[in-house]
Structures are given as structure tokens and as C-alpha cells.
Amino acid sequence: MSRRSTNTTRNSVSMRFVINFLSFLVVTIIGIVLIFSKLSFAAPAAEILETIAQSLAFLVVIFSSFYYARSKRNVWFLVVWAIGVVLIVTSYFI
């Protein structure tokens, strides 16, 4: 009996791990930001951490929505997803 490796399972599991880890990181950073925002001397650090948390939250949403759009097997889902990503990125940097 030979063992065959299935790369698709491994890739989806590892991407799921990345998304879950980023979600955990975002929640942790948001908690720290909320505490820092109450302290007057830590306001600049809170702003930096808030920007990082927002960026990571956008990445989590972008990654998870891509896998949803890809699972629909219709090019229009990917087109709408790409338009949404472009809107998020451009509005974030403007």
C-alpha cells in the first residue's frame, strides 16, 4: 500500500491556519489598543497598533472572501472580489 500526498488538503489547512492565526492576532491587538487608548501617555502607540490591527483585519477578510469566491467556480465572483479588494486598498491608502 503506497501513501499518496494530497497537496490540496495541506494547502487549505495551512491557509485556514493562517486565517485563524491572523484573526487571533487582530483580536489580541484590538484588546491592547483599547487598553492603551484609555491611558493618555500611550495614545501614539495605540494609534500605531490600531493601524496594524485594521490592516490585519482587512487581510483576514480578503483571504477568506477569496476562498469563498473561488469555491463558487464562476468568474464573476472573482471579478467582484477583485473590485472589492481594489476599493479596500485604495481607500485605505488615500
C-alpha atoms as a PDB file:
ATOM      1  CA  MET A   1       0.000   0.000   0.000  1.00  0.00           C
ATOM      2  CA  SER A   2       1.500   3.294  -1.024  1.00  0.00           C
ATOM      3  CA  ARG A   3       0.833   6.619   0.601  1.00  0.00           C
ATOM      4  CA  ARG A   4      -0.134   9.453  -1.648  1.00  0.00           C
ATOM      5  CA  SER A   5       0.196  13.037  -0.621  1.00  0.00           C
ATOM      6  CA  THR A   6      -2.729  15.343  -1.259  1.00  0.00           C
ATOM      7  CA  ASN A   7      -1.457  18.855  -1.674  1.00  0.00           C
ATOM      8  CA  THR A   8      -4.901  20.418  -1.883  1.00  0.00           C
ATOM      9  CA  THR A   9      -5.784  19.315   1.632  1.00  0.00           C
ATOM     10  CA  ARG A  10      -2.491  20.522   3.008  1.00  0.00           C
ATOM     11  CA  ASN A  11      -2.825  23.933   1.295  1.00  0.00           C
ATOM     12  CA  SER A  12      -6.364  24.522   2.521  1.00  0.00           C
ATOM     13  CA  VAL A  13      -5.444  23.506   6.056  1.00  0.00           C
ATOM     14  CA  SER A  14      -2.397  25.750   6.132  1.00  0.00           C
ATOM     15  CA  MET A  15      -4.385  28.691   4.729  1.00  0.00           C
ATOM     16  CA  ARG A  16      -7.085  28.064   7.312  1.00  0.00           C
ATOM     17  CA  PHE A  17      -4.364  28.128   9.979  1.00  0.00           C
ATOM     18  CA  VAL A  18      -3.053  31.466   8.653  1.00  0.00           C
ATOM     19  CA  ILE A  19      -6.525  32.996   8.625  1.00  0.00           C
ATOM     20  CA  ASN A  20      -7.265  31.732  12.144  1.00  0.00           C
ATOM     21  CA  PHE A  21      -3.904  32.982  13.410  1.00  0.00           C
ATOM     22  CA  LEU A  22      -4.398  36.412  11.861  1.00  0.00           C
ATOM     23  CA  SER A  23      -7.864  36.600  13.403  1.00  0.00           C
ATOM     24  CA  PHE A  24      -6.405  35.745  16.808  1.00  0.00           C
ATOM     25  CA  LEU A  25      -3.681  38.358  16.342  1.00  0.00           C
ATOM     26  CA  VAL A  26      -6.222  41.031  15.372  1.00  0.00           C
ATOM     27  CA  VAL A  27      -8.356  40.335  18.435  1.00  0.00           C
ATOM     28  CA  THR A  28      -5.300  40.492  20.692  1.00  0.00           C
ATOM     29  CA  ILE A  29      -4.051  43.752  19.191  1.00  0.00           C
ATOM     30  CA  ILE A  30      -7.508  45.325  19.388  1.00  0.00           C
ATOM     31  CA  GLY A  31      -7.636  44.420  23.077  1.00  0.00           C
ATOM     32  CA  ILE A  32      -4.262  46.079  23.635  1.00  0.00           C
ATOM     33  CA  VAL A  33      -5.354  49.138  21.645  1.00  0.00           C
ATOM     34  CA  LEU A  34      -8.467  49.516  23.769  1.00  0.00           C
ATOM     35  CA  ILE A  35      -6.394  49.425  26.951  1.00  0.00           C
ATOM     36  CA  PHE A  36      -3.757  51.808  25.550  1.00  0.00           C
ATOM     37  CA  SER A  37      -6.393  54.254  24.343  1.00  0.00           C
ATOM     38  CA  LYS A  38      -7.529  54.751  27.940  1.00  0.00           C
ATOM     39  CA  LEU A  39      -4.002  55.738  29.005  1.00  0.00           C
ATOM     40  CA  SER A  40      -3.055  59.260  27.974  1.00  0.00           C
ATOM     41  CA  PHE A  41       0.691  58.611  27.668  1.00  0.00           C
ATOM     42  CA  ALA A  42       0.193  55.590  25.385  1.00  0.00           C
ATOM     43  CA  ALA A  43      -2.003  57.290  22.766  1.00  0.00           C
ATOM     44  CA  PRO A  44       0.645  57.308  19.969  1.00  0.00           C
ATOM     45  CA  ALA A  45       1.339  53.595  20.489  1.00  0.00           C
ATOM     46  CA  ALA A  46      -2.394  52.915  20.435  1.00  0.00           C
ATOM     47  CA  GLU A  47      -2.739  54.656  17.064  1.00  0.00           C
ATOM     48  CA  ILE A  48       0.082  52.590  15.562  1.00  0.00           C
ATOM     49  CA  LEU A  49      -1.360  49.348  16.921  1.00  0.00           C
ATOM     50  CA  GLU A  50      -4.812  50.319  15.674  1.00  0.00           C
ATOM     51  CA  THR A  51      -3.445  50.783  12.156  1.00  0.00           C
ATOM     52  CA  ILE A  52      -1.748  47.387  12.326  1.00  0.00           C
ATOM     53  CA  ALA A  53      -4.926  45.731  13.613  1.00  0.00           C
ATOM     54  CA  GLN A  54      -7.010  47.277  10.836  1.00  0.00           C
ATOM     55  CA  SER A  55      -4.525  46.136   8.195  1.00  0.00           C
ATOM     56  CA  LEU A  56      -4.517  42.579   9.525  1.00  0.00           C
ATOM     57  CA  ALA A  57      -8.310  42.562   9.757  1.00  0.00           C
ATOM     58  CA  PHE A  58      -8.507  43.612   6.110  1.00  0.00           C
ATOM     59  CA  LEU A  59      -6.131  40.783   5.180  1.00  0.00           C
ATOM     60  CA  VAL A  60      -8.243  38.219   7.029  1.00  0.00           C
ATOM     61  CA  VAL A  61     -11.384  39.360   5.248  1.00  0.00           C
ATOM     62  CA  ILE A  62      -9.646  39.483   1.857  1.00  0.00           C
ATOM     63  CA  PHE A  63      -8.175  35.980   2.208  1.00  0.00           C
ATOM     64  CA  SER A  64     -11.330  34.332   3.470  1.00  0.00           C
ATOM     65  CA  SER A  65     -13.514  36.024   0.876  1.00  0.00           C
ATOM     66  CA  PHE A  66     -11.151  34.918  -1.895  1.00  0.00           C
ATOM     67  CA  TYR A  67     -11.634  31.275  -0.970  1.00  0.00           C
ATOM     68  CA  TYR A  68     -15.387  31.776  -0.939  1.00  0.00           C
ATOM     69  CA  ALA A  69     -15.337  33.420  -4.372  1.00  0.00           C
ATOM     70  CA  ARG A  70     -13.078  30.713  -5.757  1.00  0.00           C
ATOM     71  CA  SER A  71     -15.347  27.984  -4.415  1.00  0.00           C
ATOM     72  CA  LYS A  72     -18.267  29.348  -6.494  1.00  0.00           C
ATOM     73  CA  ARG A  73     -16.401  28.467  -9.735  1.00  0.00           C
ATOM     74  CA  ASN A  74     -17.820  31.473 -11.515  1.00  0.00           C
ATOM     75  CA  VAL A  75     -15.525  34.150 -12.861  1.00  0.00           C
ATOM     76  CA  TRP A  76     -17.937  36.925 -11.819  1.00  0.00           C
ATOM     77  CA  PHE A  77     -17.433  36.143  -8.154  1.00  0.00           C
ATOM     78  CA  LEU A  78     -13.693  36.621  -8.627  1.00  0.00           C
ATOM     79  CA  VAL A  79     -14.242  39.832 -10.597  1.00  0.00           C
ATOM     80  CA  VAL A  80     -16.465  41.284  -7.854  1.00  0.00           C
ATOM     81  CA  TRP A  81     -13.936  40.123  -5.248  1.00  0.00           C
ATOM     82  CA  ALA A  82     -11.080  41.829  -7.120  1.00  0.00           C
ATOM     83  CA  ILE A  83     -13.056  45.071  -7.389  1.00  0.00           C
ATOM     84  CA  GLY A  84     -13.765  44.948  -3.665  1.00  0.00           C
ATOM     85  CA  VAL A  85     -10.084  44.383  -2.855  1.00  0.00           C
ATOM     86  CA  VAL A  86      -9.044  47.294  -5.065  1.00  0.00           C
ATOM     87  CA  LEU A  87     -11.603  49.532  -3.351  1.00  0.00           C
ATOM     88  CA  ILE A  88     -10.383  48.498   0.109  1.00  0.00           C
ATOM     89  CA  VAL A  89      -6.714  49.014  -0.736  1.00  0.00           C
ATOM     90  CA  THR A  90      -7.186  52.352  -2.479  1.00  0.00           C
ATOM     91  CA  SER A  91      -9.466  53.753   0.226  1.00  0.00           C
ATOM     92  CA  TYR A  92      -7.029  52.618   2.908  1.00  0.00           C
ATOM     93  CA  PHE A  93      -4.096  54.480   1.381  1.00  0.00           C
ATOM     94  CA  ILE A  94      -5.955  57.648   0.346  1.00  0.00           C
END
